[in-house]
Amino acid sequence: MSNWLQLFINSLPGFLDGARVTLELTAIGLGLGFVLGLLAALGRAYGPPWANALSVSYIELFRGTPLLVQLFLIYYGLPGLGVTIDRFPAAFLALGLNSGAYQAEYLRGALQAIGEGQMMAGRAIGMSRWKTVRFIILPQALRLVLPAWSNEPIALMKATAVVFLIAVPELMSKAKSIAARTYDPIGAYLGAALVYLVMIFILAEGIKRLDRRVRIPGFGDAEAQHGV
């Protein structure tokens, strides 16, 4: 135990440097995924037939194939078509596209959970269909989706580990380097696991606090009382 603790302390700067890159990958991938997911969700819920078909195709493609395959196609496959992307943009793009497909389904469910009466009320006072979505339905849906959506940042943070395969120096990559340098793979990967655990715990607590602040008053109270 003391040997592992010493290894962890000595390697902490490397772990923290990798953790910084992991957080950057998570933040940018999540932000890009949110934009793509929101567009796809709106296309499915309120768009014309062509937008619905495009959204479904995007969602099924990126949910139905492994993230690793998507990453390799972007980083190694696109140069064959004359499009070369550096390792960081490739990682951001792969994580964002993959996350967006999952976020789209979270957001679509929240949009459809808002009663049709909201749309009718908005149209009755002279608002257009998209103004009603923007100013009435979407703000409620974004608050409603948070408990289910909160799984996505955590899942994405863990998924960033695959990008070490294209030499992005995130936490897993740093752990591999430490393992090679110290000849102690178990200690190095346990150290990485501990750093992941701390980051995910802080992230989960932050999302819980946000959920309590933006929760729609009264929503879910009846279910909670009945143990649902």
Protein backbone atom coordinates (compact mmCIF):
# COMPACT_ATOMS: atom_id res chain seq x y z
CA MET A 1 0.00 0.00 0.00
CA SER A 2 2.79 2.42 0.91
CA ASN A 3 4.58 1.65 -2.35
CA TRP A 4 1.42 2.41 -4.35
CA LEU A 5 0.83 5.62 -2.41
CA GLN A 6 4.38 6.74 -3.12
CA LEU A 7 3.97 5.95 -6.81
CA PHE A 8 0.69 7.88 -6.89
CA ILE A 9 2.21 10.94 -5.20
CA ASN A 10 5.26 10.91 -7.47
CA SER A 11 3.07 10.53 -10.56
CA LEU A 12 0.40 13.03 -9.47
CA PRO A 13 1.59 15.84 -11.80
CA GLY A 14 1.22 13.49 -14.77
CA PHE A 15 -2.21 12.32 -13.61
CA LEU A 16 -3.37 15.91 -13.13
CA ASP A 17 -2.11 16.92 -16.56
CA GLY A 18 -4.01 14.01 -18.09
CA ALA A 19 -7.10 14.89 -16.04
CA ARG A 20 -7.02 18.43 -17.42
CA VAL A 21 -7.09 17.10 -20.98
CA THR A 22 -9.87 14.66 -20.04
CA LEU A 23 -11.97 17.52 -18.66
CA GLU A 24 -11.34 19.55 -21.81
CA LEU A 25 -12.40 16.63 -24.00
CA THR A 26 -15.52 16.11 -21.90
CA ALA A 27 -16.54 19.78 -21.93
CA ILE A 28 -16.06 20.32 -25.65
CA GLY A 29 -17.53 16.95 -26.61
CA LEU A 30 -20.54 17.58 -24.40
CA GLY A 31 -21.09 21.08 -25.74
CA LEU A 32 -20.84 19.99 -29.36
CA GLY A 33 -23.06 17.02 -28.62
CA PHE A 34 -25.67 19.23 -27.00
CA VAL A 35 -25.92 21.47 -30.06
CA LEU A 36 -26.16 18.50 -32.43
CA GLY A 37 -28.52 16.64 -30.11
CA LEU A 38 -30.85 19.61 -29.72
CA LEU A 39 -31.04 20.10 -33.49
CA ALA A 40 -31.73 16.40 -34.01
CA ALA A 41 -34.35 16.34 -31.24
CA LEU A 42 -36.13 19.37 -32.69
CA GLY A 43 -35.97 17.80 -36.12
CA ARG A 44 -37.58 14.62 -34.84
CA ALA A 45 -40.22 16.29 -32.71
CA TYR A 46 -41.21 19.29 -34.82
CA GLY A 47 -39.36 19.18 -38.13
CA PRO A 48 -40.63 18.38 -41.62
CA PRO A 49 -40.30 14.80 -42.93
CA TRP A 50 -36.83 15.36 -44.41
CA ALA A 51 -35.52 16.77 -41.09
CA ASN A 52 -37.06 13.85 -39.21
CA ALA A 53 -35.42 11.35 -41.57
CA LEU A 54 -32.04 13.11 -41.33
CA SER A 55 -32.24 13.19 -37.52
CA VAL A 56 -33.19 9.53 -37.27
CA SER A 57 -30.35 8.55 -39.62
CA TYR A 58 -27.81 10.49 -37.56
CA ILE A 59 -29.04 9.10 -34.25
CA GLU A 60 -29.16 5.48 -35.41
CA LEU A 61 -25.76 5.70 -37.10
CA PHE A 62 -23.90 7.06 -34.10
CA ARG A 63 -25.77 5.06 -31.47
CA GLY A 64 -25.50 1.88 -33.50
CA THR A 65 -21.72 1.90 -34.05
CA PRO A 66 -18.91 1.88 -31.46
CA LEU A 67 -17.24 5.14 -30.53
CA LEU A 68 -13.85 3.59 -31.30
CA VAL A 69 -14.89 2.82 -34.88
CA GLN A 70 -16.17 6.39 -35.30
CA LEU A 71 -12.91 7.78 -33.91
CA PHE A 72 -10.77 5.67 -36.25
CA LEU A 73 -12.90 6.55 -39.27
CA ILE A 74 -12.49 10.26 -38.54
CA TYR A 75 -8.78 10.17 -37.72
CA TYR A 76 -7.51 7.41 -40.02
CA GLY A 77 -10.30 7.13 -42.60
CA LEU A 78 -10.90 10.73 -43.66
CA PRO A 79 -7.28 11.27 -44.83
CA GLY A 80 -8.03 8.66 -47.49
CA LEU A 81 -10.68 11.06 -48.80
CA GLY A 82 -8.30 13.99 -48.71
CA VAL A 83 -9.47 15.36 -45.35
CA THR A 84 -6.80 15.34 -42.64
CA ILE A 85 -7.83 16.20 -39.08
CA ASP A 86 -5.39 16.64 -36.21
CA ARG A 87 -5.73 14.34 -33.20
CA PHE A 88 -7.42 16.84 -30.88
CA PRO A 89 -10.06 18.05 -33.35
CA ALA A 90 -10.65 14.42 -34.35
CA ALA A 91 -11.20 13.48 -30.71
CA PHE A 92 -13.54 16.45 -30.14
CA LEU A 93 -15.51 15.62 -33.29
CA ALA A 94 -15.87 11.91 -32.53
CA LEU A 95 -16.94 12.52 -28.93
CA GLY A 96 -19.34 15.31 -29.95
CA LEU A 97 -21.00 13.33 -32.73
CA ASN A 98 -21.37 10.26 -30.54
CA SER A 99 -22.68 12.19 -27.54
CA GLY A 100 -25.07 14.19 -29.69
CA ALA A 101 -26.88 11.04 -30.80
CA TYR A 102 -27.58 10.07 -27.18
CA GLN A 103 -28.42 13.59 -26.07
CA ALA A 104 -30.90 13.84 -28.94
CA GLU A 105 -32.98 11.05 -27.47
CA TYR A 106 -32.90 12.54 -23.97
CA LEU A 107 -34.00 15.90 -25.36
CA ARG A 108 -36.64 14.44 -27.67
CA GLY A 109 -38.23 12.63 -24.75
CA ALA A 110 -38.34 15.84 -22.72
CA LEU A 111 -39.80 17.84 -25.61
CA GLN A 112 -42.54 15.28 -26.15
CA ALA A 113 -43.27 15.14 -22.42
CA ILE A 114 -44.49 18.74 -22.54
CA GLY A 115 -48.23 18.54 -23.15
CA GLU A 116 -49.72 19.42 -26.54
CA GLY A 117 -51.79 22.01 -24.72
CA GLN A 118 -48.67 24.17 -24.43
CA MET A 119 -48.36 24.32 -28.20
CA MET A 120 -52.06 25.05 -28.58
CA ALA A 121 -51.86 27.84 -26.00
CA GLY A 122 -48.91 29.45 -27.74
CA ARG A 123 -50.58 29.32 -31.14
CA ALA A 124 -53.80 30.68 -29.63
CA ILE A 125 -52.08 33.89 -28.55
CA GLY A 126 -50.58 34.43 -31.99
CA MET A 127 -47.13 32.86 -31.63
CA SER A 128 -45.69 30.88 -34.51
CA ARG A 129 -44.95 27.17 -34.12
CA TRP A 130 -41.20 27.73 -33.70
CA LYS A 131 -41.62 30.69 -31.37
CA THR A 132 -43.84 28.53 -29.19
CA VAL A 133 -41.16 25.84 -29.15
CA ARG A 134 -38.40 28.35 -28.41
CA PHE A 135 -40.06 30.42 -25.70
CA ILE A 136 -42.55 28.03 -24.07
CA ILE A 137 -41.74 24.37 -24.68
CA LEU A 138 -37.94 24.34 -24.85
CA PRO A 139 -37.28 26.15 -21.52
CA GLN A 140 -39.52 23.63 -19.73
CA ALA A 141 -38.00 20.68 -21.57
CA LEU A 142 -34.44 21.69 -20.66
CA ARG A 143 -35.36 21.71 -16.98
CA LEU A 144 -37.29 18.48 -17.28
CA VAL A 145 -34.52 16.57 -19.06
CA LEU A 146 -31.77 17.21 -16.51
CA PRO A 147 -32.16 14.08 -14.30
CA ALA A 148 -32.02 11.72 -17.27
CA TRP A 149 -29.45 13.79 -19.18
CA SER A 150 -27.13 13.81 -16.17
CA ASN A 151 -25.96 10.32 -17.14
CA GLU A 152 -24.43 11.65 -20.37
CA PRO A 153 -21.60 13.83 -18.94
CA ILE A 154 -20.52 10.95 -16.70
CA ALA A 155 -20.63 8.42 -19.53
CA LEU A 156 -18.79 10.79 -21.85
CA MET A 157 -16.04 11.47 -19.33
CA LYS A 158 -15.37 7.75 -19.08
CA ALA A 159 -15.60 7.36 -22.86
CA THR A 160 -12.77 9.88 -23.38
CA ALA A 161 -10.37 7.09 -22.42
CA VAL A 162 -10.54 5.65 -25.95
CA VAL A 163 -8.86 8.68 -27.51
CA PHE A 164 -5.49 7.66 -26.08
CA LEU A 165 -5.42 5.28 -29.06
CA ILE A 166 -4.80 8.27 -31.35
CA ALA A 167 -2.12 9.67 -29.02
CA VAL A 168 -4.22 12.30 -27.26
CA PRO A 169 -2.45 12.81 -23.89
CA GLU A 170 -5.50 12.40 -21.65
CA LEU A 171 -5.62 10.56 -18.33
CA MET A 172 -5.51 7.04 -19.73
CA SER A 173 -2.58 7.94 -21.95
CA LYS A 174 -0.71 9.39 -18.99
CA ALA A 175 -1.43 6.23 -16.96
CA LYS A 176 0.02 4.11 -19.76
CA SER A 177 3.17 6.24 -19.82
CA ILE A 178 3.51 6.00 -16.04
CA ALA A 179 3.05 2.23 -16.20
CA ALA A 180 5.79 1.94 -18.83
CA ARG A 181 8.15 4.16 -16.85
CA THR A 182 7.63 2.56 -13.44
CA TYR A 183 7.04 -1.05 -14.57
CA ASP A 184 3.98 -1.04 -12.30
CA PRO A 185 0.87 -1.19 -14.51
CA ILE A 186 -1.44 -2.12 -11.64
CA GLY A 187 -0.37 0.87 -9.58
CA ALA A 188 -0.52 3.24 -12.54
CA TYR A 189 -3.98 2.18 -13.66
CA LEU A 190 -5.29 2.15 -10.10
CA GLY A 191 -4.07 5.73 -9.81
CA ALA A 192 -5.90 6.66 -12.99
CA ALA A 193 -9.04 4.94 -11.70
CA LEU A 194 -8.87 6.98 -8.50
CA VAL A 195 -8.57 10.25 -10.43
CA TYR A 196 -11.51 9.27 -12.65
CA LEU A 197 -13.52 8.40 -9.55
CA VAL A 198 -12.85 11.79 -7.95
CA MET A 199 -13.69 13.73 -11.13
CA ILE A 200 -16.91 11.79 -11.70
CA PHE A 201 -17.97 12.22 -8.07
CA ILE A 202 -17.47 16.00 -8.29
CA LEU A 203 -19.29 16.12 -11.63
CA ALA A 204 -22.21 14.08 -10.31
CA GLU A 205 -22.53 16.28 -7.23
CA GLY A 206 -22.46 19.41 -9.37
CA ILE A 207 -25.24 18.07 -11.58
CA LYS A 208 -27.33 17.16 -8.51
CA ARG A 209 -27.01 20.71 -7.20
CA LEU A 210 -27.99 22.12 -10.59
CA ASP A 211 -30.98 19.79 -10.76
CA ARG A 212 -32.22 20.96 -7.37
CA ARG A 213 -31.95 24.59 -8.48
CA VAL A 214 -33.78 24.25 -11.80
CA ARG A 215 -36.26 21.48 -11.00
CA ILE A 216 -39.82 22.28 -12.01
CA PRO A 217 -41.76 22.80 -8.73
CA GLY A 218 -44.11 19.93 -7.99
CA PHE A 219 -42.87 17.73 -10.81
CA GLY A 220 -42.18 14.23 -9.61
CA ASP A 221 -43.47 14.85 -6.08
CA ALA A 222 -46.38 12.48 -6.52
CA GLU A 223 -44.14 9.77 -7.91
CA ALA A 224 -41.69 10.21 -5.04
CA GLN A 225 -44.49 9.88 -2.50
CA HIS A 226 -45.54 6.58 -4.05
CA GLY A 227 -41.98 5.30 -4.23
CA VAL A 228 -41.75 5.46 -8.03
